[in-house]
Amino acid sequence: MRFSLAPRQADGQRVAPSRKVRVTDEPVRRRDQAVATAETVALVLDEESPLPETAADVEDLARRLRCHINRLGVMVPKETPVLRHAQPLGSAGVPDGYVPSRVYLVQLAKATQELAAPVETCGSSRAKQQQGRRRWTPRINILRGAVFALALACLVLATSVPRA
């Protein structure tokens, strides 16, 4: 039971992650994080999803859920009780045994699901706040040109000064 976390298009094809992430993509990344969290939680809590067969599958799902808790924890205020409940649960190890490990996995998935709800509400308000704070960042070639022009101006100034 291996599930890929690679992003997919609507037709099921995998999408290669781009190297350039622009400032305008921040709300999209938050939404994608919420969607990825919901998909991982659905793998555990959905009635139609199969139970993890091996201990490695349980470890893999627990690792994914812990990763979601860590990523979502950054987006939620620290005093949120849901975060205080989810973090210790996420830092605990997977217990040995078939039933205890599956119970732990369900508890971890429920905590992750509860943590995702405030992120969606906080994320939309934070995105609105950040829209006013965004400022223009120059591209690298503009910076290179500015440095070259400054160096050329310094060279011209240095050659125009009389020697003693």
Protein backbone atom coordinates (compact mmCIF):
# COMPACT_ATOMS: atom_id res chain seq x y z
CA MET A 1 0.00 0.00 0.00
CA ARG A 2 2.17 2.83 -1.29
CA PHE A 3 0.65 6.21 -2.06
CA SER A 4 2.48 8.87 -3.99
CA LEU A 5 2.52 12.42 -2.70
CA ALA A 6 3.49 13.82 -6.09
CA PRO A 7 1.08 16.51 -7.26
CA ARG A 8 -1.30 15.39 -9.98
CA GLN A 9 -3.33 17.13 -12.62
CA ALA A 10 -7.06 16.52 -13.04
CA ASP A 11 -6.43 13.72 -15.53
CA GLY A 12 -4.12 11.87 -13.11
CA GLN A 13 -0.77 12.77 -14.66
CA ARG A 14 2.03 13.72 -12.32
CA VAL A 15 3.22 17.29 -12.34
CA ALA A 16 6.88 18.16 -11.97
CA PRO A 17 7.44 20.72 -9.20
CA SER A 18 8.73 24.02 -10.50
CA ARG A 19 11.91 25.51 -9.14
CA LYS A 20 10.62 29.06 -9.07
CA VAL A 21 8.02 29.87 -6.47
CA ARG A 22 6.61 33.35 -6.68
CA VAL A 23 5.20 35.40 -3.86
CA THR A 24 1.76 35.24 -5.46
CA ASP A 25 1.72 31.43 -5.09
CA GLU A 26 1.51 31.58 -1.26
CA PRO A 27 -2.31 31.19 -1.01
CA VAL A 28 -2.12 28.36 -3.56
CA ARG A 29 0.50 26.54 -1.45
CA ARG A 30 -1.71 26.91 1.63
CA ARG A 31 -4.65 25.49 -0.27
CA ASP A 32 -2.50 22.65 -1.63
CA GLN A 33 -1.27 21.91 1.90
CA ALA A 34 -4.88 21.71 3.10
CA VAL A 35 -5.81 19.45 0.17
CA ALA A 36 -2.80 17.19 0.78
CA THR A 37 -3.69 16.99 4.46
CA ALA A 38 -7.28 16.09 3.65
CA GLU A 39 -6.13 13.38 1.25
CA THR A 40 -3.77 11.83 3.78
CA VAL A 41 -6.40 11.96 6.52
CA ALA A 42 -8.88 10.35 4.13
CA LEU A 43 -6.44 7.47 3.60
CA VAL A 44 -6.79 6.67 7.30
CA LEU A 45 -10.30 7.75 8.26
CA ASP A 46 -12.32 7.14 5.10
CA GLU A 47 -14.55 4.09 5.28
CA GLU A 48 -13.65 2.95 1.76
CA SER A 49 -9.88 3.21 2.23
CA PRO A 50 -8.11 -0.07 2.92
CA LEU A 51 -6.43 -0.71 6.26
CA PRO A 52 -2.64 -0.51 6.23
CA GLU A 53 -1.37 -4.04 5.73
CA THR A 54 2.14 -3.89 7.16
CA ALA A 55 3.96 -2.02 9.89
CA ALA A 56 5.86 -0.14 7.17
CA ASP A 57 2.55 1.18 5.80
CA VAL A 58 1.56 2.36 9.27
CA GLU A 59 4.96 4.05 9.71
CA ASP A 60 4.62 5.72 6.30
CA LEU A 61 1.16 7.09 7.05
CA ALA A 62 2.24 8.22 10.52
CA ARG A 63 5.25 9.99 9.02
CA ARG A 64 3.02 11.79 6.50
CA LEU A 65 0.58 12.84 9.20
CA ARG A 66 3.43 14.09 11.41
CA CYS A 67 4.74 16.09 8.48
CA HIS A 68 1.31 17.66 8.00
CA ILE A 69 1.11 18.49 11.71
CA ASN A 70 4.52 20.20 11.53
CA ARG A 71 3.60 22.19 8.44
CA LEU A 72 0.17 23.16 9.72
CA GLY A 73 1.57 24.01 13.15
CA VAL A 74 3.55 26.86 11.64
CA MET A 75 0.38 28.40 10.21
CA VAL A 76 -1.64 28.24 13.45
CA PRO A 77 -1.13 30.43 16.53
CA LYS A 78 0.87 28.63 19.21
CA GLU A 79 -1.80 29.01 21.88
CA THR A 80 -4.36 27.00 19.90
CA PRO A 81 -5.50 24.01 21.99
CA VAL A 82 -5.74 21.81 18.90
CA LEU A 83 -2.04 22.42 18.21
CA ARG A 84 -1.15 21.66 21.83
CA HIS A 85 -3.00 18.35 21.50
CA ALA A 86 -1.61 17.41 18.06
CA GLN A 87 2.09 18.09 18.65
CA PRO A 88 2.65 15.65 21.54
CA LEU A 89 0.62 13.04 19.71
CA GLY A 90 2.75 13.55 16.61
CA SER A 91 6.01 13.33 18.51
CA ALA A 92 5.08 9.99 20.09
CA GLY A 93 6.29 6.84 18.41
CA VAL A 94 4.08 4.27 16.74
CA PRO A 95 3.23 1.59 19.32
CA ASP A 96 3.99 -2.07 18.68
CA GLY A 97 1.17 -4.43 17.82
CA TYR A 98 -1.50 -4.47 15.18
CA VAL A 99 -4.42 -2.90 17.06
CA PRO A 100 -2.47 -0.27 19.08
CA SER A 101 -0.67 0.96 15.97
CA ARG A 102 -3.93 1.34 14.03
CA VAL A 103 -5.60 3.11 16.97
CA TYR A 104 -2.64 5.49 17.19
CA LEU A 105 -2.88 6.13 13.45
CA VAL A 106 -6.59 6.99 13.72
CA GLN A 107 -5.93 9.32 16.67
CA LEU A 108 -3.12 11.02 14.74
CA ALA A 109 -5.36 11.42 11.68
CA LYS A 110 -8.17 12.93 13.77
CA ALA A 111 -5.74 15.37 15.41
CA THR A 112 -4.41 16.35 11.99
CA GLN A 113 -7.94 16.84 10.69
CA GLU A 114 -8.81 19.05 13.67
CA LEU A 115 -5.64 21.06 13.09
CA ALA A 116 -6.43 21.57 9.41
CA ALA A 117 -9.74 23.33 10.17
CA PRO A 118 -8.22 26.39 11.93
CA VAL A 119 -5.51 26.61 9.27
CA GLU A 120 -8.11 27.10 6.56
CA THR A 121 -9.72 29.96 8.50
CA CYS A 122 -6.43 31.50 9.66
CA GLY A 123 -4.83 30.99 6.25
CA SER A 124 -7.45 33.01 4.42
CA SER A 125 -7.21 35.93 6.87
CA ARG A 126 -3.40 35.84 6.79
CA ALA A 127 -3.42 35.82 3.00
CA LYS A 128 -5.60 38.94 3.02
CA GLN A 129 -3.23 40.63 5.48
CA GLN A 130 -0.18 39.74 3.43
CA GLN A 131 -1.67 41.10 0.23
CA GLY A 132 -1.26 44.65 1.54
CA ARG A 133 2.32 43.97 2.70
CA ARG A 134 3.67 42.57 -0.53
CA ARG A 135 6.34 44.62 -2.13
CA TRP A 136 8.12 44.43 -5.41
CA THR A 137 11.28 42.36 -5.49
CA PRO A 138 13.64 42.97 -8.40
CA ARG A 139 14.80 40.15 -10.63
CA ILE A 140 18.42 39.04 -10.47
CA ASN A 141 19.32 40.59 -13.84
CA ILE A 142 18.08 44.00 -12.68
CA LEU A 143 20.29 43.71 -9.61
CA ARG A 144 23.25 42.70 -11.74
CA GLY A 145 22.68 45.68 -14.02
CA ALA A 146 22.47 48.05 -11.06
CA VAL A 147 25.74 46.71 -9.62
CA PHE A 148 27.43 47.03 -13.02
CA ALA A 149 26.21 50.62 -13.43
CA LEU A 150 27.43 51.51 -9.94
CA ALA A 151 30.84 49.92 -10.64
CA LEU A 152 31.10 51.80 -13.94
CA ALA A 153 30.20 55.08 -12.22
CA CYS A 154 32.89 54.45 -9.59
CA LEU A 155 35.44 53.72 -12.34
CA VAL A 156 34.58 56.94 -14.19
CA LEU A 157 34.80 58.93 -10.96
CA ALA A 158 38.14 57.34 -10.08
CA THR A 159 39.65 58.17 -13.48
CA SER A 160 38.46 61.78 -13.36
CA VAL A 161 40.23 62.54 -10.07
CA PRO A 162 43.67 64.14 -10.72
CA ARG A 163 46.73 62.25 -9.50
CA ALA A 164 49.07 63.89 -7.05
